[in-house]
């Protein structure tokens, strides 16, 4: 099993969720996040005063999938979340050693 973590722009969340649903992803976890990469933030003007915004709003998705779904899921996220502008995000893939469904006690891929 694999854990796919994707950091994307917040306005792309619904599109990515729909795309993942179409490729067979049955569940995911979404967290609000803040961060910066190469864009290093930006400045905003509020009531005539300029403010430096160092951490930009992002959304973090965590998806546990079977190994055979990896290429499809990563491609789906990449294609859907891409705007072509700086700050589109990142995708990280990690191994998952074990998964357990608390309600039923199912383990491994059956728990996903």
PDB file of N, CA and C in Angstrom:
ATOM      1  N   UNK A   1       0.837  -1.174   0.000  1.00  0.00           N
ATOM      2  CA  UNK A   1       0.000   0.000   0.000  1.00  0.00           C
ATOM      3  C   UNK A   1       0.887   1.244   0.000  1.00  0.00           C
ATOM      4  N   UNK A   2       0.351   2.327  -0.499  1.00  0.00           N
ATOM      5  CA  UNK A   2       1.076   3.595  -0.578  1.00  0.00           C
ATOM      6  C   UNK A   2       0.253   4.700   0.072  1.00  0.00           C
ATOM      7  N   UNK A   3       0.961   5.668   0.648  1.00  0.00           N
ATOM      8  CA  UNK A   3       0.344   6.894   1.138  1.00  0.00           C
ATOM      9  C   UNK A   3       0.738   7.996   0.168  1.00  0.00           C
ATOM     10  N   UNK A   4      -0.245   8.618  -0.449  1.00  0.00           N
ATOM     11  CA  UNK A   4      -0.004   9.732  -1.362  1.00  0.00           C
ATOM     12  C   UNK A   4      -0.442  10.997  -0.640  1.00  0.00           C
ATOM     13  N   UNK A   5       0.498  11.922  -0.462  1.00  0.00           N
ATOM     14  CA  UNK A   5       0.171  13.210   0.127  1.00  0.00           C
ATOM     15  C   UNK A   5       0.344  14.251  -0.967  1.00  0.00           C
ATOM     16  N   UNK A   6      -0.696  15.021  -1.197  1.00  0.00           N
ATOM     17  CA  UNK A   6      -0.648  16.073  -2.217  1.00  0.00           C
ATOM     18  C   UNK A   6      -0.933  17.410  -1.557  1.00  0.00           C
ATOM     19  N   UNK A   7      -0.086  18.372  -1.818  1.00  0.00           N
ATOM     20  CA  UNK A   7      -0.285  19.745  -1.346  1.00  0.00           C
ATOM     21  C   UNK A   7      -0.704  20.542  -2.579  1.00  0.00           C
ATOM     22  N   UNK A   8      -1.928  21.072  -2.558  1.00  0.00           N
ATOM     23  CA  UNK A   8      -2.473  21.749  -3.735  1.00  0.00           C
ATOM     24  C   UNK A   8      -3.075  23.098  -3.356  1.00  0.00           C
ATOM     25  N   UNK A   9      -3.416  23.870  -4.368  1.00  0.00           N
ATOM     26  CA  UNK A   9      -4.109  25.136  -4.152  1.00  0.00           C
ATOM     27  C   UNK A   9      -5.551  24.850  -3.712  1.00  0.00           C
ATOM     28  N   UNK A  10      -6.072  25.613  -2.763  1.00  0.00           N
ATOM     29  CA  UNK A  10      -7.407  25.333  -2.228  1.00  0.00           C
ATOM     30  C   UNK A  10      -8.529  25.313  -3.275  1.00  0.00           C
ATOM     31  N   UNK A  11      -8.480  26.173  -4.274  1.00  0.00           N
ATOM     32  CA  UNK A  11      -9.570  26.230  -5.249  1.00  0.00           C
ATOM     33  C   UNK A  11      -9.591  25.022  -6.177  1.00  0.00           C
ATOM     34  N   UNK A  12      -8.552  24.193  -6.142  1.00  0.00           N
ATOM     35  CA  UNK A  12      -8.502  22.984  -6.965  1.00  0.00           C
ATOM     36  C   UNK A  12      -9.045  21.746  -6.239  1.00  0.00           C
ATOM     37  N   UNK A  13      -9.410  21.882  -4.970  1.00  0.00           N
ATOM     38  CA  UNK A  13      -9.825  20.730  -4.167  1.00  0.00           C
ATOM     39  C   UNK A  13     -10.994  19.969  -4.772  1.00  0.00           C
ATOM     40  N   UNK A  14     -12.060  20.639  -5.127  1.00  0.00           N
ATOM     41  CA  UNK A  14     -13.244  19.950  -5.661  1.00  0.00           C
ATOM     42  C   UNK A  14     -12.928  19.214  -6.960  1.00  0.00           C
ATOM     43  N   UNK A  15     -12.157  19.843  -7.826  1.00  0.00           N
ATOM     44  CA  UNK A  15     -11.787  19.202  -9.095  1.00  0.00           C
ATOM     45  C   UNK A  15     -10.948  17.947  -8.858  1.00  0.00           C
ATOM     46  N   UNK A  16      -9.982  18.037  -7.946  1.00  0.00           N
ATOM     47  CA  UNK A  16      -9.118  16.887  -7.649  1.00  0.00           C
ATOM     48  C   UNK A  16      -9.929  15.775  -7.003  1.00  0.00           C
ATOM     49  N   UNK A  17     -10.799  16.122  -6.078  1.00  0.00           N
ATOM     50  CA  UNK A  17     -11.636  15.111  -5.418  1.00  0.00           C
ATOM     51  C   UNK A  17     -12.513  14.387  -6.435  1.00  0.00           C
ATOM     52  N   UNK A  18     -13.113  15.112  -7.352  1.00  0.00           N
ATOM     53  CA  UNK A  18     -13.946  14.494  -8.390  1.00  0.00           C
ATOM     54  C   UNK A  18     -13.111  13.581  -9.287  1.00  0.00           C
ATOM     55  N   UNK A  19     -11.928  14.026  -9.672  1.00  0.00           N
ATOM     56  CA  UNK A  19     -11.050  13.226 -10.530  1.00  0.00           C
ATOM     57  C   UNK A  19     -10.620  11.946  -9.818  1.00  0.00           C
ATOM     58  N   UNK A  20     -10.301  12.037  -8.539  1.00  0.00           N
ATOM     59  CA  UNK A  20      -9.903  10.856  -7.783  1.00  0.00           C
ATOM     60  C   UNK A  20     -11.057   9.875  -7.636  1.00  0.00           C
ATOM     61  N   UNK A  21     -12.228  10.390  -7.445  1.00  0.00           N
ATOM     62  CA  UNK A  21     -13.414   9.538  -7.349  1.00  0.00           C
ATOM     63  C   UNK A  21     -13.621   8.758  -8.643  1.00  0.00           C
ATOM     64  N   UNK A  22     -13.375   9.395  -9.778  1.00  0.00           N
ATOM     65  CA  UNK A  22     -13.544   8.748 -11.087  1.00  0.00           C
ATOM     66  C   UNK A  22     -12.540   7.623 -11.318  1.00  0.00           C
ATOM     67  N   UNK A  23     -11.363   7.695 -10.664  1.00  0.00           N
ATOM     68  CA  UNK A  23     -10.356   6.646 -10.853  1.00  0.00           C
ATOM     69  C   UNK A  23     -10.393   5.601  -9.741  1.00  0.00           C
ATOM     70  N   UNK A  24     -11.442   5.643  -8.907  1.00  0.00           N
ATOM     71  CA  UNK A  24     -11.645   4.578  -7.940  1.00  0.00           C
ATOM     72  C   UNK A  24     -11.177   4.825  -6.518  1.00  0.00           C
ATOM     73  N   UNK A  25     -10.785   6.044  -6.200  1.00  0.00           N
ATOM     74  CA  UNK A  25     -10.394   6.347  -4.818  1.00  0.00           C
ATOM     75  C   UNK A  25     -11.663   6.458  -3.989  1.00  0.00           C
ATOM     76  N   UNK A  26     -11.718   5.681  -2.914  1.00  0.00           N
ATOM     77  CA  UNK A  26     -12.935   5.625  -2.102  1.00  0.00           C
ATOM     78  C   UNK A  26     -12.923   6.566  -0.900  1.00  0.00           C
ATOM     79  N   UNK A  27     -11.757   7.069  -0.531  1.00  0.00           N
ATOM     80  CA  UNK A  27     -11.698   7.976   0.609  1.00  0.00           C
ATOM     81  C   UNK A  27     -10.398   8.743   0.634  1.00  0.00           C
ATOM     82  N   UNK A  28     -10.428   9.889   1.285  1.00  0.00           N
ATOM     83  CA  UNK A  28      -9.233  10.698   1.451  1.00  0.00           C
ATOM     84  C   UNK A  28      -9.409  11.593   2.658  1.00  0.00           C
ATOM     85  N   UNK A  29      -8.315  12.108   3.148  1.00  0.00           N
ATOM     86  CA  UNK A  29      -8.333  13.046   4.267  1.00  0.00           C
ATOM     87  C   UNK A  29      -7.856  14.391   3.746  1.00  0.00           C
ATOM     88  N   UNK A  30      -8.570  15.449   4.121  1.00  0.00           N
ATOM     89  CA  UNK A  30      -8.231  16.802   3.682  1.00  0.00           C
ATOM     90  C   UNK A  30      -7.925  17.648   4.907  1.00  0.00           C
ATOM     91  N   UNK A  31      -6.808  18.366   4.855  1.00  0.00           N
ATOM     92  CA  UNK A  31      -6.429  19.282   5.928  1.00  0.00           C
ATOM     93  C   UNK A  31      -6.070  20.626   5.329  1.00  0.00           C
ATOM     94  N   UNK A  32      -6.446  21.686   6.037  1.00  0.00           N
ATOM     95  CA  UNK A  32      -6.009  23.008   5.615  1.00  0.00           C
ATOM     96  C   UNK A  32      -4.555  23.170   6.042  1.00  0.00           C
ATOM     97  N   UNK A  33      -3.775  23.792   5.200  1.00  0.00           N
ATOM     98  CA  UNK A  33      -2.356  23.970   5.492  1.00  0.00           C
ATOM     99  C   UNK A  33      -1.910  25.350   5.032  1.00  0.00           C
ATOM    100  N   UNK A  34      -0.767  25.761   5.521  1.00  0.00           N
ATOM    101  CA  UNK A  34      -0.131  26.989   5.059  1.00  0.00           C
ATOM    102  C   UNK A  34       1.320  26.661   4.793  1.00  0.00           C
ATOM    103  N   UNK A  35       1.879  27.306   3.784  1.00  0.00           N
ATOM    104  CA  UNK A  35       3.277  27.044   3.494  1.00  0.00           C
ATOM    105  C   UNK A  35       3.793  27.953   2.403  1.00  0.00           C
ATOM    106  N   UNK A  36       5.066  27.738   2.076  1.00  0.00           N
ATOM    107  CA  UNK A  36       5.669  28.476   0.970  1.00  0.00           C
ATOM    108  C   UNK A  36       6.718  27.601   0.330  1.00  0.00           C
ATOM    109  N   UNK A  37       6.957  27.879  -0.910  1.00  0.00           N
ATOM    110  CA  UNK A  37       7.992  27.196  -1.661  1.00  0.00           C
ATOM    111  C   UNK A  37       8.799  28.246  -2.377  1.00  0.00           C
ATOM    112  N   UNK A  38       8.948  28.076  -3.653  1.00  0.00           N
ATOM    113  CA  UNK A  38       9.740  29.028  -4.435  1.00  0.00           C
ATOM    114  C   UNK A  38       9.107  30.406  -4.505  1.00  0.00           C
ATOM    115  N   UNK A  39       7.768  30.476  -4.363  1.00  0.00           N
ATOM    116  CA  UNK A  39       7.125  31.780  -4.506  1.00  0.00           C
ATOM    117  C   UNK A  39       7.383  32.684  -3.309  1.00  0.00           C
ATOM    118  N   UNK A  40       7.737  32.136  -2.166  1.00  0.00           N
ATOM    119  CA  UNK A  40       8.126  32.890  -0.967  1.00  0.00           C
ATOM    120  C   UNK A  40       7.080  33.888  -0.491  1.00  0.00           C
ATOM    121  N   UNK A  41       5.811  33.636  -0.728  1.00  0.00           N
ATOM    122  CA  UNK A  41       4.765  34.534  -0.253  1.00  0.00           C
ATOM    123  C   UNK A  41       4.532  35.706  -1.197  1.00  0.00           C
ATOM    124  N   UNK A  42       3.781  36.676  -0.701  1.00  0.00           N
ATOM    125  CA  UNK A  42       3.495  37.867  -1.492  1.00  0.00           C
ATOM    126  C   UNK A  42       3.067  38.991  -0.551  1.00  0.00           C
ATOM    127  N   UNK A  43       2.849  40.184  -1.105  1.00  0.00           N
ATOM    128  CA  UNK A  43       2.395  41.306  -0.291  1.00  0.00           C
ATOM    129  C   UNK A  43       0.952  41.616  -0.627  1.00  0.00           C
ATOM    130  N   UNK A  44       0.216  42.061   0.389  1.00  0.00           N
ATOM    131  CA  UNK A  44      -1.179  42.486   0.225  1.00  0.00           C
ATOM    132  C   UNK A  44      -1.339  43.839   0.894  1.00  0.00           C
ATOM    133  N   UNK A  45      -2.292  44.613   0.398  1.00  0.00           N
ATOM    134  CA  UNK A  45      -2.596  45.902   1.005  1.00  0.00           C
ATOM    135  C   UNK A  45      -3.954  45.792   1.686  1.00  0.00           C
ATOM    136  N   UNK A  46      -3.990  46.128   2.986  1.00  0.00           N
ATOM    137  CA  UNK A  46      -5.230  46.106   3.752  1.00  0.00           C
ATOM    138  C   UNK A  46      -5.367  47.433   4.467  1.00  0.00           C
ATOM    139  N   UNK A  47      -6.428  48.168   4.165  1.00  0.00           N
ATOM    140  CA  UNK A  47      -6.691  49.486   4.751  1.00  0.00           C
ATOM    141  C   UNK A  47      -5.492  50.417   4.621  1.00  0.00           C
ATOM    142  N   UNK A  48      -4.891  50.385   3.447  1.00  0.00           N
ATOM    143  CA  UNK A  48      -3.807  51.303   3.154  1.00  0.00           C
ATOM    144  C   UNK A  48      -2.435  50.888   3.659  1.00  0.00           C
ATOM    145  N   UNK A  49      -2.378  49.772   4.368  1.00  0.00           N
ATOM    146  CA  UNK A  49      -1.090  49.298   4.890  1.00  0.00           C
ATOM    147  C   UNK A  49      -0.688  48.036   4.155  1.00  0.00           C
ATOM    148  N   UNK A  50       0.572  47.968   3.763  1.00  0.00           N
ATOM    149  CA  UNK A  50       1.072  46.810   3.037  1.00  0.00           C
ATOM    150  C   UNK A  50       1.565  45.755   4.026  1.00  0.00           C
ATOM    151  N   UNK A  51       1.134  44.510   3.804  1.00  0.00           N
ATOM    152  CA  UNK A  51       1.525  43.396   4.660  1.00  0.00           C
ATOM    153  C   UNK A  51       2.232  42.333   3.830  1.00  0.00           C
ATOM    154  N   UNK A  52       3.248  41.743   4.407  1.00  0.00           N
ATOM    155  CA  UNK A  52       3.962  40.629   3.773  1.00  0.00           C
ATOM    156  C   UNK A  52       3.282  39.331   4.220  1.00  0.00           C
ATOM    157  N   UNK A  53       2.778  38.553   3.274  1.00  0.00           N
ATOM    158  CA  UNK A  53       2.148  37.267   3.561  1.00  0.00           C
ATOM    159  C   UNK A  53       3.188  36.192   3.256  1.00  0.00           C
ATOM    160  N   UNK A  54       3.800  35.642   4.314  1.00  0.00           N
ATOM    161  CA  UNK A  54       4.865  34.662   4.141  1.00  0.00           C
ATOM    162  C   UNK A  54       4.336  33.258   3.864  1.00  0.00           C
ATOM    163  N   UNK A  55       3.251  32.898   4.528  1.00  0.00           N
ATOM    164  CA  UNK A  55       2.688  31.553   4.389  1.00  0.00           C
ATOM    165  C   UNK A  55       1.382  31.627   3.617  1.00  0.00           C
ATOM    166  N   UNK A  56       1.327  30.919   2.505  1.00  0.00           N
ATOM    167  CA  UNK A  56       0.143  30.945   1.647  1.00  0.00           C
ATOM    168  C   UNK A  56      -0.771  29.781   1.969  1.00  0.00           C
ATOM    169  N   UNK A  57      -2.087  29.967   1.826  1.00  0.00           N
ATOM    170  CA  UNK A  57      -3.021  28.875   2.108  1.00  0.00           C
ATOM    171  C   UNK A  57      -2.894  27.750   1.082  1.00  0.00           C
ATOM    172  N   UNK A  58      -2.898  26.538   1.578  1.00  0.00           N
ATOM    173  CA  UNK A  58      -2.829  25.330   0.757  1.00  0.00           C
ATOM    174  C   UNK A  58      -3.796  24.310   1.332  1.00  0.00           C
ATOM    175  N   UNK A  59      -3.995  23.224   0.615  1.00  0.00           N
ATOM    176  CA  UNK A  59      -4.786  22.099   1.089  1.00  0.00           C
ATOM    177  C   UNK A  59      -3.907  20.863   0.987  1.00  0.00           C
ATOM    178  N   UNK A  60      -3.909  20.064   2.047  1.00  0.00           N
ATOM    179  CA  UNK A  60      -3.135  18.827   2.063  1.00  0.00           C
ATOM    180  C   UNK A  60      -4.095  17.646   1.966  1.00  0.00           C
ATOM    181  N   UNK A  61      -3.879  16.789   0.987  1.00  0.00           N
ATOM    182  CA  UNK A  61      -4.692  15.585   0.810  1.00  0.00           C
ATOM    183  C   UNK A  61      -3.840  14.377   1.189  1.00  0.00           C
ATOM    184  N   UNK A  62      -4.424  13.447   1.923  1.00  0.00           N
ATOM    185  CA  UNK A  62      -3.755  12.189   2.239  1.00  0.00           C
ATOM    186  C   UNK A  62      -4.644  11.054   1.757  1.00  0.00           C
ATOM    187  N   UNK A  63      -4.070  10.173   0.952  1.00  0.00           N
ATOM    188  CA  UNK A  63      -4.826   9.089   0.334  1.00  0.00           C
ATOM    189  C   UNK A  63      -4.014   7.809   0.479  1.00  0.00           C
ATOM    190  N   UNK A  64      -4.595   6.772   1.055  1.00  0.00           N
ATOM    191  CA  UNK A  64      -3.940   5.469   1.120  1.00  0.00           C
ATOM    192  C   UNK A  64      -4.564   4.603   0.035  1.00  0.00           C
ATOM    193  N   UNK A  65      -3.701   4.040  -0.815  1.00  0.00           N
ATOM    194  CA  UNK A  65      -4.176   3.284  -1.974  1.00  0.00           C
ATOM    195  C   UNK A  65      -3.400   1.978  -2.118  1.00  0.00           C
ATOM    196  N   UNK A  66      -3.940   1.093  -2.948  1.00  0.00           N
ATOM    197  CA  UNK A  66      -3.214  -0.131  -3.313  1.00  0.00           C
ATOM    198  C   UNK A  66      -2.047   0.255  -4.219  1.00  0.00           C
ATOM    199  N   UNK A  67      -1.017  -0.577  -4.230  1.00  0.00           N
ATOM    200  CA  UNK A  67       0.161  -0.299  -5.058  1.00  0.00           C
ATOM    201  C   UNK A  67      -0.192  -0.137  -6.533  1.00  0.00           C
ATOM    202  N   UNK A  68      -1.142  -0.934  -7.029  1.00  0.00           N
ATOM    203  CA  UNK A  68      -1.485  -0.886  -8.448  1.00  0.00           C
ATOM    204  C   UNK A  68      -2.241   0.377  -8.855  1.00  0.00           C
ATOM    205  N   UNK A  69      -2.711   1.174  -7.890  1.00  0.00           N
ATOM    206  CA  UNK A  69      -3.423   2.415  -8.181  1.00  0.00           C
ATOM    207  C   UNK A  69      -2.494   3.623  -8.256  1.00  0.00           C
ATOM    208  N   UNK A  70      -1.235   3.446  -7.874  1.00  0.00           N
ATOM    209  CA  UNK A  70      -0.331   4.585  -7.685  1.00  0.00           C
ATOM    210  C   UNK A  70      -0.194   5.463  -8.927  1.00  0.00           C
ATOM    211  N   UNK A  71       0.150   4.879 -10.039  1.00  0.00           N
ATOM    212  CA  UNK A  71       0.378   5.671 -11.249  1.00  0.00           C
ATOM    213  C   UNK A  71      -0.871   6.448 -11.661  1.00  0.00           C
ATOM    214  N   UNK A  72      -2.021   5.793 -11.602  1.00  0.00           N
ATOM    215  CA  UNK A  72      -3.280   6.434 -11.986  1.00  0.00           C
ATOM    216  C   UNK A  72      -3.624   7.595 -11.063  1.00  0.00           C
ATOM    217  N   UNK A  73      -3.454   7.389  -9.762  1.00  0.00           N
ATOM    218  CA  UNK A  73      -3.791   8.433  -8.786  1.00  0.00           C
ATOM    219  C   UNK A  73      -2.851   9.625  -8.919  1.00  0.00           C
ATOM    220  N   UNK A  74      -1.559   9.384  -9.013  1.00  0.00           N
ATOM    221  CA  UNK A  74      -0.594  10.477  -9.142  1.00  0.00           C
ATOM    222  C   UNK A  74      -0.834  11.262 -10.429  1.00  0.00           C
ATOM    223  N   UNK A  75      -1.085  10.567 -11.523  1.00  0.00           N
ATOM    224  CA  UNK A  75      -1.365  11.236 -12.799  1.00  0.00           C
ATOM    225  C   UNK A  75      -2.640  12.080 -12.695  1.00  0.00           C
ATOM    226  N   UNK A  76      -3.657  11.528 -12.069  1.00  0.00           N
ATOM    227  CA  UNK A  76      -4.935  12.233 -11.928  1.00  0.00           C
ATOM    228  C   UNK A  76      -4.769  13.520 -11.122  1.00  0.00           C
ATOM    229  N   UNK A  77      -4.038  13.442 -10.011  1.00  0.00           N
ATOM    230  CA  UNK A  77      -3.803  14.639  -9.192  1.00  0.00           C
ATOM    231  C   UNK A  77      -2.991  15.660  -9.982  1.00  0.00           C
ATOM    232  N   UNK A  78      -1.923  15.212 -10.620  1.00  0.00           N
ATOM    233  CA  UNK A  78      -1.044  16.120 -11.366  1.00  0.00           C
ATOM    234  C   UNK A  78      -1.801  16.871 -12.450  1.00  0.00           C
ATOM    235  N   UNK A  79      -2.563  16.136 -13.228  1.00  0.00           N
ATOM    236  CA  UNK A  79      -3.301  16.750 -14.337  1.00  0.00           C
ATOM    237  C   UNK A  79      -4.370  17.720 -13.844  1.00  0.00           C
ATOM    238  N   UNK A  80      -5.066  17.362 -12.790  1.00  0.00           N
ATOM    239  CA  UNK A  80      -6.198  18.162 -12.322  1.00  0.00           C
ATOM    240  C   UNK A  80      -5.756  19.391 -11.530  1.00  0.00           C
ATOM    241  N   UNK A  81      -4.706  19.272 -10.733  1.00  0.00           N
ATOM    242  CA  UNK A  81      -4.276  20.380  -9.870  1.00  0.00           C
ATOM    243  C   UNK A  81      -3.392  21.390 -10.590  1.00  0.00           C
ATOM    244  N   UNK A  82      -2.901  21.045 -11.755  1.00  0.00           N
ATOM    245  CA  UNK A  82      -1.962  21.913 -12.457  1.00  0.00           C
ATOM    246  C   UNK A  82      -2.641  23.139 -13.060  1.00  0.00           C
ATOM    247  N   UNK A  83      -2.075  24.313 -12.757  1.00  0.00           N
ATOM    248  CA  UNK A  83      -2.528  25.553 -13.392  1.00  0.00           C
ATOM    249  C   UNK A  83      -1.437  26.109 -14.294  1.00  0.00           C
ATOM    250  N   UNK A  84      -0.221  25.600 -14.123  1.00  0.00           N
ATOM    251  CA  UNK A  84       0.915  26.097 -14.898  1.00  0.00           C
ATOM    252  C   UNK A  84       1.600  27.277 -14.254  1.00  0.00           C
ATOM    253  N   UNK A  85       1.128  27.667 -13.071  1.00  0.00           N
ATOM    254  CA  UNK A  85       1.721  28.803 -12.370  1.00  0.00           C
ATOM    255  C   UNK A  85       2.475  28.309 -11.140  1.00  0.00           C
ATOM    256  N   UNK A  86       3.383  29.136 -10.676  1.00  0.00           N
ATOM    257  CA  UNK A  86       4.152  28.789  -9.491  1.00  0.00           C
ATOM    258  C   UNK A  86       3.211  28.562  -8.305  1.00  0.00           C
ATOM    259  N   UNK A  87       3.528  27.576  -7.478  1.00  0.00           N
ATOM    260  CA  UNK A  87       2.702  27.290  -6.304  1.00  0.00           C
ATOM    261  C   UNK A  87       1.638  26.238  -6.524  1.00  0.00           C
ATOM    262  N   UNK A  88       1.695  25.517  -7.643  1.00  0.00           N
ATOM    263  CA  UNK A  88       0.698  24.471  -7.903  1.00  0.00           C
ATOM    264  C   UNK A  88       0.735  23.358  -6.864  1.00  0.00           C
ATOM    265  N   UNK A  89       1.885  23.112  -6.272  1.00  0.00           N
ATOM    266  CA  UNK A  89       1.959  22.136  -5.188  1.00  0.00           C
ATOM    267  C   UNK A  89       2.946  21.025  -5.432  1.00  0.00           C
ATOM    268  N   UNK A  90       2.839  20.000  -4.585  1.00  0.00           N
ATOM    269  CA  UNK A  90       3.740  18.853  -4.637  1.00  0.00           C
ATOM    270  C   UNK A  90       2.951  17.587  -4.331  1.00  0.00           C
ATOM    271  N   UNK A  91       3.506  16.452  -4.761  1.00  0.00           N
ATOM    272  CA  UNK A  91       2.949  15.142  -4.435  1.00  0.00           C
ATOM    273  C   UNK A  91       4.075  14.321  -3.824  1.00  0.00           C
ATOM    274  N   UNK A  92       3.806  13.694  -2.687  1.00  0.00           N
ATOM    275  CA  UNK A  92       4.764  12.837  -2.010  1.00  0.00           C
ATOM    276  C   UNK A  92       4.166  11.441  -1.901  1.00  0.00           C
ATOM    277  N   UNK A  93       4.990  10.419  -2.090  1.00  0.00           N
ATOM    278  CA  UNK A  93       4.535   9.032  -2.017  1.00  0.00           C
ATOM    279  C   UNK A  93       5.383   8.299  -0.980  1.00  0.00           C
ATOM    280  N   UNK A  94       4.711   7.592  -0.062  1.00  0.00           N
ATOM    281  CA  UNK A  94       5.390   6.825   0.981  1.00  0.00           C
ATOM    282  C   UNK A  94       4.793   5.429   1.067  1.00  0.00           C
ATOM    283  N   UNK A  95       5.566   4.501   1.613  1.00  0.00           N
ATOM    284  CA  UNK A  95       5.083   3.145   1.873  1.00  0.00           C
ATOM    285  C   UNK A  95       4.183   3.149   3.107  1.00  0.00           C
ATOM    286  N   UNK A  96       3.158   2.319   3.091  1.00  0.00           N
ATOM    287  CA  UNK A  96       2.313   2.100   4.260  1.00  0.00           C
ATOM    288  C   UNK A  96       2.498   0.646   4.665  1.00  0.00           C
ATOM    289  N   UNK A  97       2.956   0.430   5.877  1.00  0.00           N
ATOM    290  CA  UNK A  97       3.211  -0.933   6.332  1.00  0.00           C
ATOM    291  C   UNK A  97       1.936  -1.660   6.719  1.00  0.00           C
ATOM    292  N   UNK A  98       1.011  -0.959   7.330  1.00  0.00           N
ATOM    293  CA  UNK A  98      -0.200  -1.620   7.817  1.00  0.00           C
ATOM    294  C   UNK A  98      -1.342  -0.614   7.867  1.00  0.00           C
ATOM    295  N   UNK A  99      -2.551  -1.100   7.626  1.00  0.00           N
ATOM    296  CA  UNK A  99      -3.762  -0.296   7.775  1.00  0.00           C
ATOM    297  C   UNK A  99      -4.787  -1.152   8.506  1.00  0.00           C
ATOM    298  N   UNK A 100      -5.507  -0.560   9.441  1.00  0.00           N
ATOM    299  CA  UNK A 100      -6.507  -1.280  10.221  1.00  0.00           C
ATOM    300  C   UNK A 100      -7.770  -0.436  10.275  1.00  0.00           C
ATOM    301  N   UNK A 101      -8.886  -1.021   9.884  1.00  0.00           N
ATOM    302  CA  UNK A 101     -10.178  -0.327  10.000  1.00  0.00           C
ATOM    303  C   UNK A 101     -10.650  -0.529  11.435  1.00  0.00           C
ATOM    304  N   UNK A 102     -10.806   0.536  12.177  1.00  0.00           N
ATOM    305  CA  UNK A 102     -11.143   0.460  13.592  1.00  0.00           C
ATOM    306  C   UNK A 102     -12.504  -0.207  13.812  1.00  0.00           C
ATOM    307  N   UNK A 103     -13.498   0.144  13.019  1.00  0.00           N
ATOM    308  CA  UNK A 103     -14.856  -0.369  13.209  1.00  0.00           C
ATOM    309  C   UNK A 103     -14.938  -1.882  13.091  1.00  0.00           C
ATOM    310  N   UNK A 104     -14.280  -2.454  12.080  1.00  0.00           N
ATOM    311  CA  UNK A 104     -14.438  -3.886  11.810  1.00  0.00           C
ATOM    312  C   UNK A 104     -13.214  -4.732  12.142  1.00  0.00           C
ATOM    313  N   UNK A 105     -12.068  -4.075  12.333  1.00  0.00           N
ATOM    314  CA  UNK A 105     -10.842  -4.826  12.587  1.00  0.00           C
ATOM    315  C   UNK A 105     -10.164  -5.335  11.328  1.00  0.00           C
ATOM    316  N   UNK A 106     -10.711  -5.005  10.146  1.00  0.00           N
ATOM    317  CA  UNK A 106     -10.086  -5.435   8.885  1.00  0.00           C
ATOM    318  C   UNK A 106      -8.677  -4.862   8.807  1.00  0.00           C
ATOM    319  N   UNK A 107      -7.779  -5.639   8.193  1.00  0.00           N
ATOM    320  CA  UNK A 107      -6.400  -5.215   8.091  1.00  0.00           C
ATOM    321  C   UNK A 107      -5.911  -5.253   6.650  1.00  0.00           C
ATOM    322  N   UNK A 108      -4.822  -4.520   6.387  1.00  0.00           N
ATOM    323  CA  UNK A 108      -4.215  -4.491   5.069  1.00  0.00           C
ATOM    324  C   UNK A 108      -5.078  -3.781   4.049  1.00  0.00           C
ATOM    325  N   UNK A 109      -5.022  -4.266   2.794  1.00  0.00           N
ATOM    326  CA  UNK A 109      -5.775  -3.613   1.714  1.00  0.00           C
ATOM    327  C   UNK A 109      -7.281  -3.662   1.938  1.00  0.00           C
ATOM    328  N   UNK A 110      -7.766  -4.638   2.676  1.00  0.00           N
ATOM    329  CA  UNK A 110      -9.200  -4.720   2.970  1.00  0.00           C
ATOM    330  C   UNK A 110      -9.660  -3.533   3.815  1.00  0.00           C
ATOM    331  N   UNK A 111      -8.757  -2.952   4.576  1.00  0.00           N
ATOM    332  CA  UNK A 111      -9.094  -1.801   5.416  1.00  0.00           C
ATOM    333  C   UNK A 111      -9.125  -0.504   4.630  1.00  0.00           C
ATOM    334  N   UNK A 112      -8.519  -0.520   3.451  1.00  0.00           N
ATOM    335  CA  UNK A 112      -8.486   0.694   2.636  1.00  0.00           C
ATOM    336  C   UNK A 112      -9.769   0.766   1.856  1.00  0.00           C
TER     337      UNK A 112
END
